[in-house]
Amino acid sequence: MTRRSLPPAEIADRLARRHVGAVVGIGDLESGERTILTRGSTGRPDGSAVTADTLFEIGSITKTFTALVLATMVQSGRVHLDTPVRELLPPDVVVPARDGARITLEHLARHTSGLPRSPNSVARDLWIVLRGDNPYAMDEQVVLAGLADTRLKRRPGQGRGSYSNLGAGLLGIALRRAAGVASYQDLVREAVLVPLGLPDTVVQPRDDQVTRWAQGHGPRRQAVAAWHLIGLAGAGALRSTAPDLLNYLRAQLEPDTTSIGPAIRLTHQLWQPERRNTIGLGWLRTVGPTGAMWWHNGGTGGFRSFAGFSPERRRAVAVLVNDRRGPDAAGFSLLATAP
């Protein structure tokens, strides 16, 4: 018997007590209903409340967009999943290998490349974040130059994988070069944002979006600077809104209603599908009592986010907050329990 959850409005109220501002989006394909609940403040100097159209940094949810770009390029024949990333980078770049195995695009999308989590050490990342700065504020040249001194944790393609922001960022660089476009924004716009109709998902907000951009907050609800990822854009550079994310998640549930359906389906092909917790291309999948939940979360210096969908329940959930306390529990609860 399916456990009944708290009403969505009560979950949103609880989020309001924990966060500066929060937006909860729920899409139910069975009923055709879409609900967007907003609570709290943008944290901007004008004291404005968050709305459905407020833009938040979505951090690592960006990785699912990068993986979908890869899938569209595989479908078009421009690259293959087993294309070595080395083939798409400048000739002087040294890409690490191990035991004769080269890192492929699929390894990067599935976090099975063996690359470390970050170009920096864990201690350095922590120090930079505690100082209030962005540990990923580096350009592509710095990212690529650092590969020569990087050691792989394991042979590419082996084991259960190890989450890597560096790997996802490198995937974005490689795909941008293969596509021949100037920026990650151009790459993702052409492949995903335009086909799926996501006008409020951006790297750099347009003039008309700047006034809808939430202020991020760190410890003790202190305002912190926005994070701009250039060299590692594919790992976490996007900003978005709850309506855009619900449209994106609906495309995951109904790929055939989109022009890039085969690519979306490709991202749902699992690594080690027999495991309860595994990964597709970008998306994480967890099997619980109510079925499979596909999801990703994100975090930057002043934001946390959750996006997920349940194929069995035909439901999509997005939760966005503008501080560092994660909203994952609320997202999973809304996905896994009955309305």
Protein backbone atom coordinates (compact mmCIF):
# COMPACT_ATOMS: atom_id res chain seq x y z
CA MET A 1 0.00 0.00 0.00
CA THR A 2 1.39 3.40 -0.96
CA ARG A 3 2.19 5.69 1.95
CA ARG A 4 0.47 9.06 1.76
CA SER A 5 2.67 12.10 2.04
CA LEU A 6 2.12 15.48 3.55
CA PRO A 7 0.15 17.77 1.26
CA PRO A 8 2.47 19.67 -1.11
CA ALA A 9 1.47 22.98 0.47
CA GLU A 10 2.57 21.73 3.88
CA ILE A 11 5.88 20.53 2.45
CA ALA A 12 6.34 23.99 0.92
CA ASP A 13 5.53 25.59 4.29
CA ARG A 14 8.19 23.44 5.95
CA LEU A 15 10.69 24.47 3.32
CA ALA A 16 9.82 28.11 4.01
CA ARG A 17 10.85 27.65 7.62
CA ARG A 18 14.22 26.22 6.61
CA HIS A 19 15.15 28.36 3.62
CA VAL A 20 15.41 31.99 2.55
CA GLY A 21 13.20 31.24 -0.45
CA ALA A 22 11.81 28.10 -2.05
CA VAL A 23 9.89 27.10 -5.16
CA VAL A 24 8.25 23.68 -5.48
CA GLY A 25 7.04 22.47 -8.87
CA ILE A 26 4.97 19.31 -9.34
CA GLY A 27 3.80 17.94 -12.66
CA ASP A 28 1.30 15.05 -12.66
CA LEU A 29 0.89 13.59 -16.12
CA GLU A 30 -1.96 11.29 -15.05
CA SER A 31 -4.21 14.17 -14.06
CA GLY A 32 -2.63 16.78 -16.30
CA GLU A 33 -2.22 19.06 -13.30
CA ARG A 34 0.78 21.29 -12.67
CA THR A 35 1.33 22.94 -9.31
CA ILE A 36 3.94 25.57 -8.47
CA LEU A 37 4.22 26.70 -4.87
CA THR A 38 6.39 29.66 -3.86
CA ARG A 39 7.56 30.66 -0.42
CA GLY A 40 9.95 33.23 1.02
CA SER A 41 12.26 35.85 -0.42
CA THR A 42 14.60 36.24 -3.35
CA GLY A 43 17.00 37.87 -0.91
CA ARG A 44 17.44 40.78 -3.27
CA PRO A 45 17.78 44.34 -1.91
CA ASP A 46 14.20 45.14 -2.95
CA GLY A 47 12.91 42.42 -0.62
CA SER A 48 10.90 40.79 -3.40
CA ALA A 49 9.23 37.44 -2.88
CA VAL A 50 10.18 34.45 -5.01
CA THR A 51 7.77 33.65 -7.82
CA ALA A 52 7.35 30.80 -10.25
CA ASP A 53 9.55 32.74 -12.69
CA THR A 54 12.46 33.36 -10.30
CA LEU A 55 15.79 32.09 -11.68
CA PHE A 56 17.98 29.91 -9.45
CA GLU A 57 21.42 28.42 -9.98
CA ILE A 58 20.76 24.70 -10.51
CA GLY A 59 24.35 23.49 -10.16
CA SER A 60 24.86 19.84 -11.01
CA ILE A 61 21.43 19.34 -12.58
CA THR A 62 23.33 20.91 -15.48
CA LYS A 63 25.07 17.54 -15.90
CA THR A 64 21.85 15.97 -17.20
CA PHE A 65 21.66 18.68 -19.89
CA THR A 66 25.29 18.04 -20.87
CA ALA A 67 24.62 14.32 -21.11
CA LEU A 68 21.57 15.01 -23.28
CA VAL A 69 23.73 17.14 -25.57
CA LEU A 70 26.03 14.12 -25.88
CA ALA A 71 23.07 11.90 -26.73
CA THR A 72 21.84 14.28 -29.45
CA MET A 73 25.32 14.32 -30.99
CA VAL A 74 25.48 10.52 -30.87
CA GLN A 75 22.10 10.35 -32.61
CA SER A 76 23.30 12.73 -35.31
CA GLY A 77 26.52 10.77 -35.80
CA ARG A 78 28.86 13.60 -34.87
CA VAL A 79 30.36 11.57 -32.02
CA HIS A 80 29.98 8.10 -30.50
CA LEU A 81 29.69 7.03 -26.90
CA ASP A 82 33.02 5.24 -27.22
CA THR A 83 34.79 8.22 -28.81
CA PRO A 84 37.96 8.86 -26.76
CA VAL A 85 37.79 12.37 -25.34
CA ARG A 86 41.39 12.83 -26.42
CA GLU A 87 40.27 12.93 -30.07
CA LEU A 88 38.17 16.06 -29.46
CA LEU A 89 40.77 18.13 -27.61
CA PRO A 90 43.76 20.21 -28.80
CA PRO A 91 46.77 18.07 -29.80
CA ASP A 92 48.96 19.31 -26.97
CA VAL A 93 46.52 18.28 -24.22
CA VAL A 94 47.65 15.26 -22.19
CA VAL A 95 44.66 13.14 -21.11
CA PRO A 96 45.40 10.57 -18.41
CA ALA A 97 44.80 6.88 -19.06
CA ARG A 98 45.20 3.79 -16.93
CA ASP A 99 46.06 0.18 -17.71
CA GLY A 100 45.82 0.92 -21.42
CA ALA A 101 42.22 2.19 -21.22
CA ARG A 102 41.38 5.63 -22.58
CA ILE A 103 38.62 7.87 -21.24
CA THR A 104 35.60 7.97 -23.55
CA LEU A 105 32.66 10.35 -23.72
CA GLU A 106 30.45 7.70 -22.14
CA HIS A 107 32.85 7.35 -19.22
CA LEU A 108 32.57 11.10 -18.59
CA ALA A 109 28.76 11.12 -18.74
CA ARG A 110 28.46 8.10 -16.41
CA HIS A 111 31.16 9.17 -13.92
CA THR A 112 33.19 6.05 -14.71
CA SER A 113 36.26 7.87 -16.09
CA GLY A 114 38.33 7.48 -12.93
CA LEU A 115 38.93 11.24 -12.83
CA PRO A 116 38.86 12.90 -9.39
CA ARG A 117 35.86 14.88 -8.22
CA SER A 118 37.51 18.26 -8.77
CA PRO A 119 40.56 19.77 -10.46
CA ASN A 120 41.53 20.89 -6.93
CA SER A 121 42.19 18.81 -3.85
CA VAL A 122 39.26 18.27 -1.47
CA ALA A 123 41.00 20.40 1.14
CA ARG A 124 41.54 23.26 -1.29
CA ASP A 125 37.92 23.15 -2.48
CA LEU A 126 36.71 23.30 1.11
CA TRP A 127 39.01 26.21 1.93
CA ILE A 128 37.85 28.16 -1.13
CA VAL A 129 34.16 27.58 -0.36
CA LEU A 130 34.58 28.52 3.30
CA ARG A 131 36.25 31.72 2.14
CA GLY A 132 33.10 32.44 0.15
CA ASP A 133 34.64 31.95 -3.30
CA ASN A 134 33.97 29.62 -6.23
CA PRO A 135 36.40 26.65 -6.43
CA TYR A 136 35.47 26.12 -10.09
CA ALA A 137 36.27 29.63 -11.32
CA MET A 138 38.73 28.56 -14.02
CA ASP A 139 38.76 28.73 -17.79
CA GLU A 140 39.06 25.86 -20.27
CA GLN A 141 42.80 26.35 -20.69
CA VAL A 142 43.40 25.87 -16.98
CA VAL A 143 41.18 22.77 -16.90
CA LEU A 144 42.92 21.18 -19.88
CA ALA A 145 46.43 22.05 -18.70
CA GLY A 146 45.73 20.42 -15.35
CA LEU A 147 44.93 17.05 -16.91
CA ALA A 148 48.61 16.30 -17.42
CA ASP A 149 49.12 16.14 -13.65
CA THR A 150 45.91 14.23 -12.93
CA ARG A 151 45.98 10.59 -11.86
CA LEU A 152 43.01 8.33 -12.45
CA LYS A 153 41.52 6.61 -9.41
CA ARG A 154 40.80 3.46 -11.40
CA ARG A 155 40.77 2.07 -14.92
CA PRO A 156 38.10 3.90 -17.00
CA GLY A 157 34.89 1.90 -17.14
CA GLN A 158 35.64 -0.20 -14.07
CA GLY A 159 33.70 -0.42 -10.84
CA ARG A 160 30.61 1.48 -9.75
CA GLY A 161 31.94 4.88 -10.76
CA SER A 162 33.09 7.94 -8.87
CA TYR A 163 31.28 11.26 -9.19
CA SER A 164 33.40 13.83 -10.99
CA ASN A 165 32.71 17.50 -11.62
CA LEU A 166 35.96 17.55 -13.54
CA GLY A 167 34.73 14.77 -15.81
CA ALA A 168 31.40 16.48 -16.54
CA GLY A 169 33.18 19.76 -17.21
CA LEU A 170 35.61 18.02 -19.56
CA LEU A 171 32.66 16.47 -21.39
CA GLY A 172 31.22 19.93 -21.95
CA ILE A 173 34.52 21.18 -23.34
CA ALA A 174 34.88 18.21 -25.70
CA LEU A 175 31.31 18.49 -27.01
CA ARG A 176 31.62 22.24 -27.52
CA ARG A 177 34.71 21.70 -29.62
CA ALA A 178 33.11 18.87 -31.59
CA ALA A 179 30.05 21.03 -32.29
CA GLY A 180 32.21 23.99 -33.34
CA VAL A 181 30.37 26.53 -31.19
CA ALA A 182 31.81 29.35 -29.11
CA SER A 183 30.35 28.59 -25.69
CA TYR A 184 28.57 26.03 -23.56
CA GLN A 185 25.47 28.27 -23.71
CA ASP A 186 25.47 27.99 -27.51
CA LEU A 187 26.01 24.23 -27.29
CA VAL A 188 23.14 23.49 -24.92
CA ARG A 189 20.78 26.01 -26.50
CA GLU A 190 21.05 24.45 -29.96
CA ALA A 191 20.85 20.84 -28.80
CA VAL A 192 18.38 20.97 -25.89
CA LEU A 193 16.92 24.33 -24.87
CA VAL A 194 15.38 25.32 -28.20
CA PRO A 195 14.04 21.84 -29.08
CA LEU A 196 12.42 21.49 -25.64
CA GLY A 197 11.23 25.11 -25.37
CA LEU A 198 13.17 26.17 -22.28
CA PRO A 199 13.63 29.95 -22.60
CA ASP A 200 14.47 30.55 -18.94
CA THR A 201 17.34 28.05 -18.73
CA VAL A 202 20.57 29.97 -19.29
CA VAL A 203 24.21 30.35 -18.35
CA GLN A 204 24.12 34.14 -18.30
CA PRO A 205 20.71 35.75 -17.68
CA ARG A 206 19.50 38.17 -20.34
CA ASP A 207 18.64 41.74 -19.40
CA ASP A 208 14.97 40.83 -19.02
CA GLN A 209 15.89 37.95 -16.68
CA VAL A 210 18.29 39.77 -14.36
CA THR A 211 15.46 41.23 -12.27
CA ARG A 212 14.12 37.70 -11.73
CA TRP A 213 17.40 36.26 -10.51
CA ALA A 214 17.43 35.15 -6.85
CA GLN A 215 20.26 36.10 -4.51
CA GLY A 216 22.16 33.11 -3.15
CA HIS A 217 22.92 32.72 0.55
CA GLY A 218 25.64 30.94 2.49
CA PRO A 219 26.05 30.20 6.20
CA ARG A 220 23.84 32.25 8.57
CA ARG A 221 21.88 33.40 5.54
CA GLN A 222 24.57 35.77 4.42
CA ALA A 223 24.41 36.83 0.76
CA VAL A 224 27.13 35.25 -1.39
CA ALA A 225 28.40 35.97 -4.88
CA ALA A 226 26.94 34.15 -7.86
CA TRP A 227 28.96 31.27 -9.25
CA HIS A 228 30.07 31.51 -12.87
CA LEU A 229 31.54 28.32 -14.30
CA ILE A 230 33.40 28.81 -17.58
CA GLY A 231 35.89 26.00 -17.98
CA LEU A 232 33.64 23.54 -16.13
CA ALA A 233 30.34 24.86 -17.49
CA GLY A 234 29.10 21.37 -18.38
CA ALA A 235 29.25 20.43 -14.71
CA GLY A 236 27.06 23.16 -13.25
CA ALA A 237 26.74 26.49 -15.07
CA LEU A 238 22.99 26.66 -15.73
CA ARG A 239 20.31 28.78 -14.10
CA SER A 240 16.65 27.87 -14.49
CA THR A 241 13.10 28.23 -13.20
CA ALA A 242 10.59 25.72 -11.88
CA PRO A 243 8.36 25.92 -15.03
CA ASP A 244 11.34 25.27 -17.32
CA LEU A 245 12.48 22.34 -15.19
CA LEU A 246 8.99 20.84 -15.19
CA ASN A 247 8.94 21.09 -19.00
CA TYR A 248 12.35 19.44 -19.09
CA LEU A 249 11.19 16.65 -16.78
CA ARG A 250 8.00 16.13 -18.77
CA ALA A 251 10.20 15.51 -21.80
CA GLN A 252 11.93 12.76 -19.80
CA LEU A 253 8.55 11.14 -19.11
CA GLU A 254 7.22 11.59 -22.66
CA PRO A 255 10.25 11.57 -24.97
CA ASP A 256 8.20 10.83 -28.07
CA THR A 257 6.35 14.15 -27.77
CA THR A 258 9.65 15.96 -28.47
CA SER A 259 11.89 16.31 -31.51
CA ILE A 260 14.82 14.73 -29.60
CA GLY A 261 13.03 11.70 -28.19
CA PRO A 262 15.63 9.10 -29.25
CA ALA A 263 18.37 11.13 -27.55
CA ILE A 264 16.34 11.40 -24.34
CA ARG A 265 15.80 7.65 -24.37
CA LEU A 266 19.52 7.11 -24.83
CA THR A 267 20.23 9.04 -21.62
CA HIS A 268 17.98 6.56 -19.79
CA GLN A 269 20.16 3.56 -20.69
CA LEU A 270 21.62 2.40 -17.39
CA TRP A 271 25.08 1.44 -16.23
CA GLN A 272 24.77 -1.72 -14.10
CA PRO A 273 20.93 -1.73 -14.26
CA GLU A 274 20.66 -4.55 -11.73
CA ARG A 275 21.77 -2.22 -8.94
CA ARG A 276 19.24 -0.34 -6.83
CA ASN A 277 21.29 2.84 -7.18
CA THR A 278 22.87 3.35 -10.58
CA ILE A 279 23.26 5.93 -13.34
CA GLY A 280 22.14 6.56 -16.88
CA LEU A 281 23.81 9.23 -18.97
CA GLY A 282 23.73 12.08 -16.47
CA TRP A 283 20.63 10.95 -14.56
CA LEU A 284 20.85 9.00 -11.31
CA ARG A 285 18.31 6.22 -10.72
CA THR A 286 17.15 4.89 -7.37
CA VAL A 287 14.64 2.06 -6.95
CA GLY A 288 12.38 2.41 -3.92
CA PRO A 289 9.13 0.84 -2.67
CA THR A 290 7.07 2.86 -5.15
CA GLY A 291 9.30 2.16 -8.14
CA ALA A 292 12.16 3.86 -9.92
CA MET A 293 13.01 7.50 -9.29
CA TRP A 294 15.27 9.28 -11.74
CA TRP A 295 16.85 12.37 -10.28
CA HIS A 296 19.72 14.77 -9.87
CA ASN A 297 20.44 17.46 -7.34
CA GLY A 298 22.64 20.51 -7.50
CA GLY A 299 24.53 22.87 -5.25
CA THR A 300 26.52 26.06 -5.73
CA GLY A 301 27.82 28.64 -3.29
CA GLY A 302 24.35 29.94 -2.41
CA PHE A 303 21.79 27.57 -3.96
CA ARG A 304 20.51 23.99 -3.74
CA SER A 305 18.19 22.23 -6.17
CA PHE A 306 16.47 18.93 -6.90
CA ALA A 307 14.87 17.61 -10.10
CA GLY A 308 13.35 14.17 -10.49
CA PHE A 309 10.76 12.08 -12.26
CA SER A 310 8.96 8.81 -11.66
CA PRO A 311 8.02 6.84 -14.80
CA GLU A 312 5.69 4.52 -12.85
CA ARG A 313 3.83 7.38 -11.20
CA ARG A 314 4.19 9.70 -14.21
CA ARG A 315 5.19 12.52 -11.93
CA ALA A 316 7.86 15.21 -12.09
CA VAL A 317 9.17 17.31 -9.21
CA ALA A 318 11.50 20.32 -9.07
CA VAL A 319 12.55 22.05 -5.84
CA LEU A 320 14.70 25.20 -5.85
CA VAL A 321 16.07 27.10 -2.84
CA ASN A 322 18.46 30.04 -2.53
CA ASP A 323 20.67 28.86 0.33
CA ARG A 324 22.90 25.89 1.14
CA ARG A 325 20.43 23.58 2.91
CA GLY A 326 19.51 20.79 0.51
CA PRO A 327 15.83 20.19 -0.40
CA ASP A 328 16.33 16.58 -1.52
CA ALA A 329 14.11 15.04 1.19
CA ALA A 330 11.17 17.17 0.04
CA GLY A 331 11.81 16.21 -3.60
CA PHE A 332 11.96 12.49 -2.91
CA SER A 333 8.88 12.65 -0.71
CA LEU A 334 6.84 14.35 -3.42
CA LEU A 335 8.04 11.81 -6.01
CA ALA A 336 7.58 8.67 -3.96
CA THR A 337 4.30 9.10 -2.11
CA ALA A 338 0.69 9.41 -3.10
CA PRO A 339 -0.93 12.81 -3.71
